[in-house]
Each structure stands twice: as C-alpha cells, then as structure tokens.
Amino acid sequence: MNSLRRYLILIEQDEDGIYVATAPSLRGCHTQARTLEELLPRIREAIALCLEVEDPAESPMRFIGVQQIELTA
C-alpha cells in the first residue's frame, strides 16, 4: 500500500519569464517550463525521479515558512 507524501514546492520566475519549480526537501530536485500548466506535471515527474535515487526519510525537512527580504546592492 502506498502512503501519501506531501512536498513543498517553490515556484519562481526568471528574467526571461521561465517558471522554475524546486522541491527543497529533495536534493537537486527542480524543473522549468514556460507556463504553470506545464510546470506542475513536470515537477511531479521530477519528484518521482528524485525519489527513485534518494530516500526522503534520510533527511526529513519540516516546512516552517517563507520570507522575502530586500538588500541594497
């Protein structure tokens, strides 16, 4: 029986308008797409592939929050 797992996904947009999704709890798990509709199936596939090579129980991460800060360059 498969258990339901939840993963936090961070979505950003680069300077060219490309969406980038990252699953921070899985090392190196990210993907990109031109639209959000394309991005979500791709990050699901990326997570599945990452789970084939990484055991998420090895380094459990618990979501605390997201903050955006500004610094003067």
N, C-alpha and C. Protein backbone atom coordinates (compact mmCIF):
# COMPACT_ATOMS: atom_id res chain seq x y z
N MET A 1 0.84 -1.19 0.00
CA MET A 1 0.00 0.00 0.00
C MET A 1 0.89 1.25 0.00
N ASN A 2 0.60 2.19 -0.89
CA ASN A 2 1.38 3.42 -0.98
C ASN A 2 0.86 4.44 0.02
N SER A 3 1.78 5.16 0.64
CA SER A 3 1.37 6.22 1.56
C SER A 3 1.45 7.56 0.83
N LEU A 4 0.59 8.46 1.22
CA LEU A 4 0.55 9.79 0.61
C LEU A 4 1.65 10.64 1.22
N ARG A 5 2.48 11.23 0.37
CA ARG A 5 3.54 12.12 0.82
C ARG A 5 3.29 13.50 0.24
N ARG A 6 3.62 14.51 1.02
CA ARG A 6 3.46 15.89 0.58
C ARG A 6 4.82 16.54 0.49
N TYR A 7 5.02 17.33 -0.55
CA TYR A 7 6.28 18.03 -0.74
C TYR A 7 6.00 19.50 -1.00
N LEU A 8 6.75 20.35 -0.32
CA LEU A 8 6.68 21.78 -0.55
C LEU A 8 7.37 22.08 -1.87
N ILE A 9 6.74 22.87 -2.71
CA ILE A 9 7.30 23.26 -3.99
C ILE A 9 7.45 24.77 -4.01
N LEU A 10 8.63 25.24 -4.34
CA LEU A 10 8.87 26.68 -4.51
C LEU A 10 8.84 26.97 -6.00
N ILE A 11 8.09 28.00 -6.38
CA ILE A 11 7.99 28.38 -7.79
C ILE A 11 8.49 29.81 -7.92
N GLU A 12 9.43 29.99 -8.84
CA GLU A 12 9.99 31.31 -9.12
C GLU A 12 9.90 31.55 -10.62
N GLN A 13 10.11 32.79 -11.01
CA GLN A 13 10.12 33.12 -12.44
C GLN A 13 11.41 33.87 -12.73
N ASP A 14 12.16 33.41 -13.74
CA ASP A 14 13.43 34.05 -14.06
C ASP A 14 13.22 35.29 -14.93
N GLU A 15 14.32 35.93 -15.29
CA GLU A 15 14.26 37.19 -16.05
C GLU A 15 13.70 37.01 -17.45
N ASP A 16 13.69 35.79 -17.96
CA ASP A 16 13.13 35.52 -19.28
C ASP A 16 11.67 35.06 -19.22
N GLY A 17 11.08 35.03 -18.02
CA GLY A 17 9.70 34.62 -17.87
C GLY A 17 9.50 33.12 -17.69
N ILE A 18 10.59 32.36 -17.59
CA ILE A 18 10.51 30.91 -17.41
C ILE A 18 10.23 30.61 -15.93
N TYR A 19 9.27 29.72 -15.70
CA TYR A 19 8.95 29.30 -14.33
C TYR A 19 9.90 28.18 -13.91
N VAL A 20 10.39 28.26 -12.70
CA VAL A 20 11.31 27.26 -12.15
C VAL A 20 10.70 26.74 -10.85
N ALA A 21 10.53 25.43 -10.77
CA ALA A 21 9.99 24.80 -9.56
C ALA A 21 11.08 23.97 -8.90
N THR A 22 11.14 24.07 -7.57
CA THR A 22 12.12 23.34 -6.78
C THR A 22 11.42 22.65 -5.62
N ALA A 23 11.82 21.42 -5.35
CA ALA A 23 11.36 20.70 -4.15
C ALA A 23 12.53 20.69 -3.17
N PRO A 24 12.59 21.66 -2.25
CA PRO A 24 13.76 21.83 -1.41
C PRO A 24 14.11 20.63 -0.53
N SER A 25 13.15 19.82 -0.18
CA SER A 25 13.44 18.68 0.69
C SER A 25 14.10 17.52 -0.05
N LEU A 26 14.19 17.63 -1.38
CA LEU A 26 14.85 16.60 -2.19
C LEU A 26 16.03 17.24 -2.91
N ARG A 27 17.21 16.82 -2.57
CA ARG A 27 18.44 17.39 -3.12
C ARG A 27 18.43 17.41 -4.65
N GLY A 28 18.61 18.61 -5.22
CA GLY A 28 18.72 18.74 -6.67
C GLY A 28 17.44 18.54 -7.45
N CYS A 29 16.31 18.57 -6.79
CA CYS A 29 15.03 18.29 -7.46
C CYS A 29 14.41 19.60 -7.94
N HIS A 30 14.49 19.83 -9.25
CA HIS A 30 13.94 21.04 -9.84
C HIS A 30 13.62 20.81 -11.31
N THR A 31 12.83 21.71 -11.87
CA THR A 31 12.49 21.66 -13.29
C THR A 31 12.05 23.05 -13.72
N GLN A 32 11.80 23.22 -15.01
CA GLN A 32 11.35 24.52 -15.51
C GLN A 32 10.38 24.34 -16.66
N ALA A 33 9.60 25.41 -16.93
CA ALA A 33 8.64 25.39 -18.04
C ALA A 33 8.23 26.82 -18.37
N ARG A 34 7.62 26.98 -19.51
CA ARG A 34 7.16 28.31 -19.94
C ARG A 34 5.85 28.73 -19.27
N THR A 35 5.02 27.74 -18.87
CA THR A 35 3.74 28.06 -18.23
C THR A 35 3.60 27.26 -16.94
N LEU A 36 2.72 27.74 -16.07
CA LEU A 36 2.44 27.00 -14.83
C LEU A 36 1.76 25.67 -15.14
N GLU A 37 0.93 25.65 -16.19
CA GLU A 37 0.24 24.42 -16.57
C GLU A 37 1.24 23.33 -16.99
N GLU A 38 2.33 23.73 -17.62
CA GLU A 38 3.39 22.78 -17.99
C GLU A 38 4.27 22.42 -16.79
N LEU A 39 4.42 23.38 -15.88
CA LEU A 39 5.35 23.22 -14.77
C LEU A 39 4.91 22.16 -13.76
N LEU A 40 3.64 22.15 -13.40
CA LEU A 40 3.18 21.25 -12.35
C LEU A 40 3.35 19.77 -12.67
N PRO A 41 2.98 19.31 -13.88
CA PRO A 41 3.26 17.90 -14.19
C PRO A 41 4.76 17.59 -14.23
N ARG A 42 5.54 18.57 -14.65
CA ARG A 42 6.99 18.36 -14.72
C ARG A 42 7.61 18.21 -13.33
N ILE A 43 7.15 19.00 -12.35
CA ILE A 43 7.73 18.88 -11.02
C ILE A 43 7.28 17.58 -10.36
N ARG A 44 6.08 17.13 -10.67
CA ARG A 44 5.64 15.82 -10.17
C ARG A 44 6.56 14.71 -10.70
N GLU A 45 6.87 14.79 -12.00
CA GLU A 45 7.76 13.81 -12.61
C GLU A 45 9.17 13.90 -12.00
N ALA A 46 9.64 15.13 -11.79
CA ALA A 46 10.97 15.31 -11.20
C ALA A 46 11.03 14.73 -9.79
N ILE A 47 9.98 14.94 -9.00
CA ILE A 47 9.93 14.38 -7.65
C ILE A 47 9.97 12.86 -7.71
N ALA A 48 9.18 12.27 -8.59
CA ALA A 48 9.17 10.81 -8.72
C ALA A 48 10.55 10.28 -9.07
N LEU A 49 11.25 10.96 -9.98
CA LEU A 49 12.59 10.54 -10.35
C LEU A 49 13.57 10.70 -9.19
N CYS A 50 13.47 11.80 -8.46
CA CYS A 50 14.35 12.01 -7.31
C CYS A 50 14.12 10.96 -6.23
N LEU A 51 12.86 10.56 -6.04
CA LEU A 51 12.56 9.55 -5.03
C LEU A 51 13.13 8.18 -5.39
N GLU A 52 13.38 7.95 -6.69
CA GLU A 52 13.98 6.68 -7.11
C GLU A 52 15.42 6.56 -6.63
N VAL A 53 16.10 7.70 -6.44
CA VAL A 53 17.52 7.66 -6.06
C VAL A 53 17.79 8.19 -4.65
N GLU A 54 16.81 8.80 -4.02
CA GLU A 54 17.01 9.38 -2.69
C GLU A 54 15.90 8.92 -1.76
N ASP A 55 16.27 8.55 -0.55
CA ASP A 55 15.30 8.19 0.47
C ASP A 55 14.96 9.45 1.26
N PRO A 56 13.73 9.99 1.12
CA PRO A 56 13.40 11.23 1.81
C PRO A 56 13.43 11.11 3.32
N ALA A 57 13.40 9.90 3.85
CA ALA A 57 13.45 9.71 5.31
C ALA A 57 14.84 9.99 5.86
N GLU A 58 15.87 10.00 4.99
CA GLU A 58 17.23 10.24 5.45
C GLU A 58 17.42 11.63 6.02
N SER A 59 16.81 12.62 5.42
CA SER A 59 16.94 14.00 5.92
C SER A 59 15.58 14.68 5.91
N PRO A 60 14.73 14.33 6.87
CA PRO A 60 13.39 14.92 6.89
C PRO A 60 13.44 16.42 7.14
N MET A 61 12.73 17.15 6.32
CA MET A 61 12.63 18.60 6.47
C MET A 61 11.18 18.92 6.82
N ARG A 62 11.01 19.87 7.69
CA ARG A 62 9.68 20.30 8.08
C ARG A 62 9.51 21.76 7.66
N PHE A 63 8.44 22.04 6.96
CA PHE A 63 8.18 23.40 6.47
C PHE A 63 7.89 24.33 7.64
N ILE A 64 8.58 25.45 7.67
CA ILE A 64 8.38 26.45 8.72
C ILE A 64 7.73 27.71 8.15
N GLY A 65 8.23 28.19 7.03
CA GLY A 65 7.67 29.40 6.44
C GLY A 65 8.52 29.92 5.32
N VAL A 66 8.02 30.93 4.63
CA VAL A 66 8.73 31.56 3.54
C VAL A 66 8.76 33.05 3.80
N GLN A 67 9.91 33.65 3.59
CA GLN A 67 10.03 35.09 3.74
C GLN A 67 10.81 35.63 2.56
N GLN A 68 10.49 36.84 2.17
CA GLN A 68 11.24 37.52 1.13
C GLN A 68 11.88 38.74 1.77
N ILE A 69 13.19 38.90 1.60
CA ILE A 69 13.87 40.05 2.16
C ILE A 69 14.50 40.87 1.04
N GLU A 70 14.76 42.13 1.31
CA GLU A 70 15.38 43.00 0.33
C GLU A 70 16.69 43.52 0.91
N LEU A 71 17.70 43.56 0.07
CA LEU A 71 19.00 44.09 0.45
C LEU A 71 19.41 45.13 -0.58
N THR A 72 20.10 46.13 -0.15
CA THR A 72 20.62 47.13 -1.07
C THR A 72 21.89 46.57 -1.70
N ALA A 73 21.93 46.61 -3.03
CA ALA A 73 23.11 46.08 -3.74
C ALA A 73 24.21 47.09 -3.82
